[in-house]
């Protein structure tokens, strides 16, 4: 039985060596064919998304209270929901945690449904315009 195993091992090693000498990677060129209007649309989308603080967008308020509670809520929200970046806003005398930047009420409602499982007091709102 041992000579048979030795022969199989030697034959396997020989086959592997012969095959590996004939294998090599392929090289080639990649050509991307896309409509010329795609770059225009991407630039337009970038311009639209540039104004993240647009008052026409919806946000979700997750927390309202003191500073230490706000920082704890922000950390907990960040760990639970990586999709939306939370921000702390101070409106005397309270600190507020706002999350998301939703264009439509439907988007905000879908997000709120997920967020309410962890933060039951969360609600949707539109920020007031800053008059400076």
Protein backbone atom coordinates (compact mmCIF):
# COMPACT_ATOMS: atom_id res chain seq x y z
CA UNK A 1 0.00 0.00 0.00
CA UNK A 2 2.83 2.46 0.73
CA UNK A 3 4.42 2.21 -2.74
CA UNK A 4 1.03 3.06 -4.28
CA UNK A 5 0.67 6.18 -2.10
CA UNK A 6 4.22 7.20 -2.98
CA UNK A 7 3.47 6.79 -6.71
CA UNK A 8 0.24 8.82 -6.44
CA UNK A 9 2.01 11.57 -4.51
CA UNK A 10 4.84 11.71 -7.06
CA UNK A 11 2.41 11.72 -9.98
CA UNK A 12 0.33 14.49 -8.36
CA UNK A 13 3.44 16.59 -7.76
CA UNK A 14 4.59 16.07 -11.34
CA UNK A 15 1.17 17.05 -12.76
CA UNK A 16 1.01 20.12 -10.54
CA UNK A 17 4.49 21.22 -11.61
CA UNK A 18 3.74 20.77 -15.32
CA UNK A 19 0.40 22.57 -15.12
CA UNK A 20 1.77 25.47 -13.09
CA UNK A 21 4.51 26.16 -15.65
CA UNK A 22 1.90 26.60 -18.39
CA UNK A 23 -0.42 28.82 -16.34
CA UNK A 24 -0.02 32.55 -16.55
CA UNK A 25 -2.26 35.55 -15.99
CA UNK A 26 -4.06 37.30 -18.78
CA UNK A 27 -3.56 40.89 -19.70
CA UNK A 28 -6.00 43.04 -21.54
CA UNK A 29 -7.66 46.40 -21.90
CA UNK A 30 -10.99 47.42 -20.45
CA UNK A 31 -13.16 49.70 -22.51
CA UNK A 32 -16.05 51.46 -20.81
CA UNK A 33 -18.90 52.44 -23.08
CA UNK A 34 -21.26 54.88 -21.40
CA UNK A 35 -23.65 57.56 -22.45
CA UNK A 36 -22.16 61.06 -22.52
CA UNK A 37 -25.05 62.37 -20.43
CA UNK A 38 -24.07 60.27 -17.40
CA UNK A 39 -21.29 62.66 -16.41
CA UNK A 40 -23.69 65.60 -16.74
CA UNK A 41 -26.23 63.83 -14.53
CA UNK A 42 -23.58 62.98 -11.93
CA UNK A 43 -22.45 66.61 -11.81
CA UNK A 44 -26.07 67.73 -11.41
CA UNK A 45 -26.60 65.25 -8.57
CA UNK A 46 -23.43 66.45 -6.82
CA UNK A 47 -24.68 70.02 -7.08
CA UNK A 48 -28.07 69.06 -5.66
CA UNK A 49 -26.54 67.16 -2.75
CA UNK A 50 -24.11 69.98 -1.97
CA UNK A 51 -26.74 71.79 0.11
CA UNK A 52 -27.15 69.26 2.92
CA UNK A 53 -28.83 71.80 5.20
CA UNK A 54 -31.68 72.53 2.81
CA UNK A 55 -34.81 73.28 4.84
CA UNK A 56 -36.95 71.38 2.35
CA UNK A 57 -35.49 68.10 3.57
CA UNK A 58 -36.78 65.97 6.40
CA UNK A 59 -34.81 65.00 9.49
CA UNK A 60 -35.50 62.73 12.44
CA UNK A 61 -35.03 63.98 15.98
CA UNK A 62 -33.78 61.15 18.15
CA UNK A 63 -33.02 62.88 21.46
CA UNK A 64 -33.82 66.07 23.33
CA UNK A 65 -32.18 66.80 26.70
CA UNK A 66 -28.91 67.55 28.46
CA UNK A 67 -25.38 67.49 27.01
CA UNK A 68 -24.20 64.17 28.48
CA UNK A 69 -27.41 62.43 27.41
CA UNK A 70 -27.03 63.87 23.93
CA UNK A 71 -23.50 62.54 23.55
CA UNK A 72 -24.58 59.11 24.83
CA UNK A 73 -27.57 59.06 22.45
CA UNK A 74 -25.39 60.11 19.52
CA UNK A 75 -22.91 57.31 20.25
CA UNK A 76 -25.69 54.74 20.64
CA UNK A 77 -27.36 55.91 17.42
CA UNK A 78 -24.07 55.76 15.48
CA UNK A 79 -23.47 52.20 16.67
CA UNK A 80 -27.01 51.08 15.82
CA UNK A 81 -27.59 52.89 12.53
CA UNK A 82 -24.60 53.38 10.26
CA UNK A 83 -26.83 54.58 7.38
CA UNK A 84 -27.55 58.00 8.89
CA UNK A 85 -25.03 60.34 10.47
CA UNK A 86 -26.33 61.94 13.71
CA UNK A 87 -25.54 65.57 14.57
CA UNK A 88 -25.88 67.47 17.84
CA UNK A 89 -27.75 70.78 17.76
CA UNK A 90 -28.07 73.14 20.68
CA UNK A 91 -31.31 75.06 21.08
CA UNK A 92 -31.29 76.61 24.55
CA UNK A 93 -31.72 74.98 26.99
CA UNK A 94 -31.61 71.56 25.29
CA UNK A 95 -29.28 69.54 23.13
CA UNK A 96 -30.91 67.67 20.27
CA UNK A 97 -29.76 64.76 18.14
CA UNK A 98 -30.86 64.98 14.53
CA UNK A 99 -30.29 62.22 12.01
CA UNK A 100 -30.79 61.78 8.30
CA UNK A 101 -31.36 64.13 5.44
CA UNK A 102 -34.40 62.80 3.60
CA UNK A 103 -35.81 64.35 0.45
CA UNK A 104 -39.29 62.87 0.80
CA UNK A 105 -41.59 62.16 3.70
CA UNK A 106 -41.80 58.54 2.54
CA UNK A 107 -38.03 58.06 2.92
CA UNK A 108 -38.18 59.60 6.38
CA UNK A 109 -41.14 57.41 7.39
CA UNK A 110 -39.30 54.26 6.37
CA UNK A 111 -36.25 55.30 8.38
CA UNK A 112 -38.38 56.31 11.36
CA UNK A 113 -39.97 52.88 11.45
CA UNK A 114 -36.51 51.32 11.94
CA UNK A 115 -35.30 53.99 14.36
CA UNK A 116 -38.38 53.82 16.61
CA UNK A 117 -37.47 50.26 17.62
CA UNK A 118 -34.41 51.64 19.43
CA UNK A 119 -35.52 55.24 20.09
CA UNK A 120 -39.29 55.23 20.68
CA UNK A 121 -39.52 59.03 21.12
CA UNK A 122 -38.05 59.80 17.68
CA UNK A 123 -40.09 61.91 15.26
CA UNK A 124 -39.85 63.47 11.80
CA UNK A 125 -39.61 67.21 11.22
CA UNK A 126 -38.42 69.86 8.78
CA UNK A 127 -35.83 72.24 10.23
CA UNK A 128 -36.72 75.92 10.21
CA UNK A 129 -34.84 78.18 7.84
CA UNK A 130 -32.01 80.12 9.44
CA UNK A 131 -32.38 83.84 8.91
CA UNK A 132 -28.93 85.40 9.24
